[in-house]
């Protein structure tokens, strides 16, 4: 897989972050809030790791 493909896939993943943030703002999530928060944390970790691993791709 080349760097352009990786960069494009990370851009798609980054675009999903806003959706998770909007979900967290919903008052009726109940215990699902824990899962959404976990997904958001893992997504941010993935993006940070990508940027550390491929600093030239950012």
PDB file of N, CA and C in Angstrom:
ATOM      1  N   UNK A   1       0.851  -1.163   0.000  1.00  0.00           N
ATOM      2  CA  UNK A   1       0.000   0.000   0.000  1.00  0.00           C
ATOM      3  C   UNK A   1       0.908   1.241   0.000  1.00  0.00           C
ATOM      4  N   UNK A   2       0.618   2.168  -0.891  1.00  0.00           N
ATOM      5  CA  UNK A   2       1.464   3.354  -0.970  1.00  0.00           C
ATOM      6  C   UNK A   2       0.969   4.442  -0.012  1.00  0.00           C
ATOM      7  N   UNK A   3       1.794   5.469   0.152  1.00  0.00           N
ATOM      8  CA  UNK A   3       1.518   6.532   1.123  1.00  0.00           C
ATOM      9  C   UNK A   3       0.272   7.344   0.743  1.00  0.00           C
ATOM     10  N   UNK A   4       0.014   7.486  -0.538  1.00  0.00           N
ATOM     11  CA  UNK A   4      -1.187   8.219  -0.974  1.00  0.00           C
ATOM     12  C   UNK A   4      -2.456   7.493  -0.536  1.00  0.00           C
ATOM     13  N   UNK A   5      -2.460   6.186  -0.648  1.00  0.00           N
ATOM     14  CA  UNK A   5      -3.612   5.389  -0.233  1.00  0.00           C
ATOM     15  C   UNK A   5      -3.802   5.485   1.275  1.00  0.00           C
ATOM     16  N   UNK A   6      -2.700   5.373   2.012  1.00  0.00           N
ATOM     17  CA  UNK A   6      -2.780   5.514   3.465  1.00  0.00           C
ATOM     18  C   UNK A   6      -3.309   6.887   3.864  1.00  0.00           C
ATOM     19  N   UNK A   7      -2.788   7.905   3.227  1.00  0.00           N
ATOM     20  CA  UNK A   7      -3.216   9.272   3.522  1.00  0.00           C
ATOM     21  C   UNK A   7      -4.717   9.440   3.255  1.00  0.00           C
ATOM     22  N   UNK A   8      -5.202   8.874   2.168  1.00  0.00           N
ATOM     23  CA  UNK A   8      -6.621   8.968   1.831  1.00  0.00           C
ATOM     24  C   UNK A   8      -7.479   8.229   2.850  1.00  0.00           C
ATOM     25  N   UNK A   9      -7.029   7.079   3.273  1.00  0.00           N
ATOM     26  CA  UNK A   9      -7.798   6.302   4.258  1.00  0.00           C
ATOM     27  C   UNK A   9      -7.828   7.000   5.614  1.00  0.00           C
ATOM     28  N   UNK A  10      -6.708   7.585   6.007  1.00  0.00           N
ATOM     29  CA  UNK A  10      -6.673   8.328   7.276  1.00  0.00           C
ATOM     30  C   UNK A  10      -7.581   9.549   7.194  1.00  0.00           C
ATOM     31  N   UNK A  11      -7.635  10.197   6.050  1.00  0.00           N
ATOM     32  CA  UNK A  11      -8.530  11.351   5.880  1.00  0.00           C
ATOM     33  C   UNK A  11      -9.989  10.931   6.066  1.00  0.00           C
ATOM     34  N   UNK A  12     -10.351   9.771   5.560  1.00  0.00           N
ATOM     35  CA  UNK A  12     -11.719   9.261   5.736  1.00  0.00           C
ATOM     36  C   UNK A  12     -11.978   9.000   7.223  1.00  0.00           C
ATOM     37  N   UNK A  13     -11.021   8.386   7.885  1.00  0.00           N
ATOM     38  CA  UNK A  13     -11.165   8.101   9.316  1.00  0.00           C
ATOM     39  C   UNK A  13     -11.288   9.402  10.110  1.00  0.00           C
ATOM     40  N   UNK A  14     -10.459  10.389   9.787  1.00  0.00           N
ATOM     41  CA  UNK A  14     -10.529  11.671  10.479  1.00  0.00           C
ATOM     42  C   UNK A  14     -11.885  12.339  10.296  1.00  0.00           C
ATOM     43  N   UNK A  15     -12.496  12.157   9.142  1.00  0.00           N
ATOM     44  CA  UNK A  15     -13.798  12.771   8.888  1.00  0.00           C
ATOM     45  C   UNK A  15     -14.891  12.153   9.761  1.00  0.00           C
ATOM     46  N   UNK A  16     -14.696  10.942  10.232  1.00  0.00           N
ATOM     47  CA  UNK A  16     -15.680  10.271  11.098  1.00  0.00           C
ATOM     48  C   UNK A  16     -15.636  10.786  12.528  1.00  0.00           C
ATOM     49  N   UNK A  17     -14.556  11.457  12.881  1.00  0.00           N
ATOM     50  CA  UNK A  17     -14.397  11.965  14.252  1.00  0.00           C
ATOM     51  C   UNK A  17     -15.536  12.910  14.636  1.00  0.00           C
ATOM     52  N   UNK A  18     -15.906  13.780  13.733  1.00  0.00           N
ATOM     53  CA  UNK A  18     -16.974  14.748  14.013  1.00  0.00           C
ATOM     54  C   UNK A  18     -18.302  14.039  14.304  1.00  0.00           C
ATOM     55  N   UNK A  19     -18.562  12.945  13.631  1.00  0.00           N
ATOM     56  CA  UNK A  19     -19.787  12.181  13.873  1.00  0.00           C
ATOM     57  C   UNK A  19     -19.807  11.639  15.297  1.00  0.00           C
ATOM     58  N   UNK A  20     -18.675  11.137  15.760  1.00  0.00           N
ATOM     59  CA  UNK A  20     -18.605  10.626  17.126  1.00  0.00           C
ATOM     60  C   UNK A  20     -18.796  11.745  18.142  1.00  0.00           C
ATOM     61  N   UNK A  21     -18.243  12.906  17.868  1.00  0.00           N
ATOM     62  CA  UNK A  21     -18.415  14.043  18.777  1.00  0.00           C
ATOM     63  C   UNK A  21     -19.883  14.453  18.834  1.00  0.00           C
ATOM     64  N   UNK A  22     -20.548  14.469  17.688  1.00  0.00           N
ATOM     65  CA  UNK A  22     -21.974  14.801  17.656  1.00  0.00           C
ATOM     66  C   UNK A  22     -22.790  13.778  18.435  1.00  0.00           C
ATOM     67  N   UNK A  23     -22.418  12.518  18.347  1.00  0.00           N
ATOM     68  CA  UNK A  23     -23.107  11.481  19.113  1.00  0.00           C
ATOM     69  C   UNK A  23     -22.958  11.697  20.615  1.00  0.00           C
ATOM     70  N   UNK A  24     -21.757  12.095  21.027  1.00  0.00           N
ATOM     71  CA  UNK A  24     -21.525  12.333  22.451  1.00  0.00           C
ATOM     72  C   UNK A  24     -22.403  13.460  22.993  1.00  0.00           C
ATOM     73  N   UNK A  25     -22.809  14.374  22.134  1.00  0.00           N
ATOM     74  CA  UNK A  25     -23.638  15.496  22.559  1.00  0.00           C
ATOM     75  C   UNK A  25     -25.104  15.099  22.749  1.00  0.00           C
ATOM     76  N   UNK A  26     -25.472  13.906  22.306  1.00  0.00           N
ATOM     77  CA  UNK A  26     -26.853  13.445  22.445  1.00  0.00           C
ATOM     78  C   UNK A  26     -27.140  13.097  23.910  1.00  0.00           C
ATOM     79  N   UNK A  27     -28.220  13.643  24.466  1.00  0.00           N
ATOM     80  CA  UNK A  27     -28.506  13.403  25.883  1.00  0.00           C
ATOM     81  C   UNK A  27     -29.064  12.012  26.182  1.00  0.00           C
ATOM     82  N   UNK A  28     -29.554  11.305  25.185  1.00  0.00           N
ATOM     83  CA  UNK A  28     -30.227  10.034  25.435  1.00  0.00           C
ATOM     84  C   UNK A  28     -29.395   8.807  25.069  1.00  0.00           C
ATOM     85  N   UNK A  29     -28.089   8.902  25.133  1.00  0.00           N
ATOM     86  CA  UNK A  29     -27.229   7.775  24.770  1.00  0.00           C
ATOM     87  C   UNK A  29     -27.200   6.678  25.833  1.00  0.00           C
ATOM     88  N   UNK A  30     -27.363   7.052  27.064  1.00  0.00           N
ATOM     89  CA  UNK A  30     -27.288   6.066  28.143  1.00  0.00           C
ATOM     90  C   UNK A  30     -25.911   5.434  28.210  1.00  0.00           C
ATOM     91  N   UNK A  31     -25.874   4.100  28.348  1.00  0.00           N
ATOM     92  CA  UNK A  31     -24.593   3.407  28.483  1.00  0.00           C
ATOM     93  C   UNK A  31     -23.827   3.333  27.161  1.00  0.00           C
ATOM     94  N   UNK A  32     -24.502   3.634  26.054  1.00  0.00           N
ATOM     95  CA  UNK A  32     -23.814   3.661  24.764  1.00  0.00           C
ATOM     96  C   UNK A  32     -22.769   4.767  24.721  1.00  0.00           C
ATOM     97  N   UNK A  33     -22.925   5.766  25.579  1.00  0.00           N
ATOM     98  CA  UNK A  33     -21.959   6.871  25.670  1.00  0.00           C
ATOM     99  C   UNK A  33     -20.544   6.339  25.937  1.00  0.00           C
ATOM    100  N   UNK A  34     -20.450   5.300  26.741  1.00  0.00           N
ATOM    101  CA  UNK A  34     -19.148   4.697  27.060  1.00  0.00           C
ATOM    102  C   UNK A  34     -18.495   4.162  25.782  1.00  0.00           C
ATOM    103  N   UNK A  35     -19.262   3.472  24.957  1.00  0.00           N
ATOM    104  CA  UNK A  35     -18.736   2.909  23.714  1.00  0.00           C
ATOM    105  C   UNK A  35     -18.341   3.989  22.724  1.00  0.00           C
ATOM    106  N   UNK A  36     -19.152   5.039  22.621  1.00  0.00           N
ATOM    107  CA  UNK A  36     -18.845   6.131  21.703  1.00  0.00           C
ATOM    108  C   UNK A  36     -17.578   6.836  22.160  1.00  0.00           C
ATOM    109  N   UNK A  37     -17.462   7.057  23.459  1.00  0.00           N
ATOM    110  CA  UNK A  37     -16.265   7.705  23.988  1.00  0.00           C
ATOM    111  C   UNK A  37     -15.025   6.844  23.731  1.00  0.00           C
ATOM    112  N   UNK A  38     -15.155   5.548  23.918  1.00  0.00           N
ATOM    113  CA  UNK A  38     -14.042   4.621  23.645  1.00  0.00           C
ATOM    114  C   UNK A  38     -13.645   4.671  22.173  1.00  0.00           C
ATOM    115  N   UNK A  39     -14.630   4.673  21.286  1.00  0.00           N
ATOM    116  CA  UNK A  39     -14.353   4.735  19.844  1.00  0.00           C
ATOM    117  C   UNK A  39     -13.622   6.023  19.495  1.00  0.00           C
ATOM    118  N   UNK A  40     -14.040   7.124  20.097  1.00  0.00           N
ATOM    119  CA  UNK A  40     -13.401   8.418  19.843  1.00  0.00           C
ATOM    120  C   UNK A  40     -11.944   8.401  20.311  1.00  0.00           C
ATOM    121  N   UNK A  41     -11.705   7.857  21.488  1.00  0.00           N
ATOM    122  CA  UNK A  41     -10.339   7.773  22.007  1.00  0.00           C
ATOM    123  C   UNK A  41      -9.459   6.912  21.103  1.00  0.00           C
ATOM    124  N   UNK A  42      -9.986   5.779  20.665  1.00  0.00           N
ATOM    125  CA  UNK A  42      -9.208   4.888  19.810  1.00  0.00           C
ATOM    126  C   UNK A  42      -8.944   5.517  18.444  1.00  0.00           C
ATOM    127  N   UNK A  43      -9.909   6.228  17.925  1.00  0.00           N
ATOM    128  CA  UNK A  43      -9.733   6.909  16.649  1.00  0.00           C
ATOM    129  C   UNK A  43      -8.632   7.971  16.761  1.00  0.00           C
ATOM    130  N   UNK A  44      -8.661   8.737  17.840  1.00  0.00           N
ATOM    131  CA  UNK A  44      -7.630   9.755  18.041  1.00  0.00           C
ATOM    132  C   UNK A  44      -6.255   9.124  18.222  1.00  0.00           C
ATOM    133  N   UNK A  45      -6.197   7.991  18.925  1.00  0.00           N
ATOM    134  CA  UNK A  45      -4.924   7.278  19.076  1.00  0.00           C
ATOM    135  C   UNK A  45      -4.402   6.795  17.723  1.00  0.00           C
ATOM    136  N   UNK A  46      -5.284   6.260  16.900  1.00  0.00           N
ATOM    137  CA  UNK A  46      -4.905   5.781  15.572  1.00  0.00           C
ATOM    138  C   UNK A  46      -4.339   6.913  14.719  1.00  0.00           C
ATOM    139  N   UNK A  47      -5.003   8.040  14.733  1.00  0.00           N
ATOM    140  CA  UNK A  47      -4.544   9.189  13.947  1.00  0.00           C
ATOM    141  C   UNK A  47      -3.189   9.675  14.456  1.00  0.00           C
ATOM    142  N   UNK A  48      -3.043   9.764  15.768  1.00  0.00           N
ATOM    143  CA  UNK A  48      -1.772  10.211  16.351  1.00  0.00           C
ATOM    144  C   UNK A  48      -0.641   9.241  16.009  1.00  0.00           C
ATOM    145  N   UNK A  49      -0.927   7.947  16.078  1.00  0.00           N
ATOM    146  CA  UNK A  49       0.092   6.953  15.748  1.00  0.00           C
ATOM    147  C   UNK A  49       0.490   7.034  14.273  1.00  0.00           C
ATOM    148  N   UNK A  50      -0.485   7.247  13.403  1.00  0.00           N
ATOM    149  CA  UNK A  50      -0.182   7.401  11.988  1.00  0.00           C
ATOM    150  C   UNK A  50       0.740   8.599  11.765  1.00  0.00           C
ATOM    151  N   UNK A  51       0.433   9.710  12.425  1.00  0.00           N
ATOM    152  CA  UNK A  51       1.244  10.925  12.262  1.00  0.00           C
ATOM    153  C   UNK A  51       2.655  10.744  12.815  1.00  0.00           C
ATOM    154  N   UNK A  52       2.792   9.947  13.895  1.00  0.00           N
ATOM    155  CA  UNK A  52       4.131   9.675  14.432  1.00  0.00           C
ATOM    156  C   UNK A  52       4.909   8.746  13.505  1.00  0.00           C
ATOM    157  N   UNK A  53       4.217   7.772  12.942  1.00  0.00           N
ATOM    158  CA  UNK A  53       4.877   6.779  12.094  1.00  0.00           C
ATOM    159  C   UNK A  53       5.239   7.335  10.725  1.00  0.00           C
ATOM    160  N   UNK A  54       4.350   8.158  10.172  1.00  0.00           N
ATOM    161  CA  UNK A  54       4.557   8.726   8.849  1.00  0.00           C
ATOM    162  C   UNK A  54       4.476  10.252   8.900  1.00  0.00           C
ATOM    163  N   UNK A  55       5.441  10.896   9.545  1.00  0.00           N
ATOM    164  CA  UNK A  55       5.358  12.357   9.665  1.00  0.00           C
ATOM    165  C   UNK A  55       5.391  13.073   8.306  1.00  0.00           C
ATOM    166  N   UNK A  56       5.991  12.454   7.329  1.00  0.00           N
ATOM    167  CA  UNK A  56       6.063  13.070   6.006  1.00  0.00           C
ATOM    168  C   UNK A  56       4.728  13.010   5.288  1.00  0.00           C
ATOM    169  N   UNK A  57       3.818  12.167   5.765  1.00  0.00           N
ATOM    170  CA  UNK A  57       2.519  11.999   5.097  1.00  0.00           C
ATOM    171  C   UNK A  57       1.506  13.034   5.558  1.00  0.00           C
ATOM    172  N   UNK A  58       1.816  13.751   6.612  1.00  0.00           N
ATOM    173  CA  UNK A  58       0.833  14.689   7.170  1.00  0.00           C
ATOM    174  C   UNK A  58       0.840  15.998   6.454  1.00  0.00           C
TER     175      UNK A  58
END
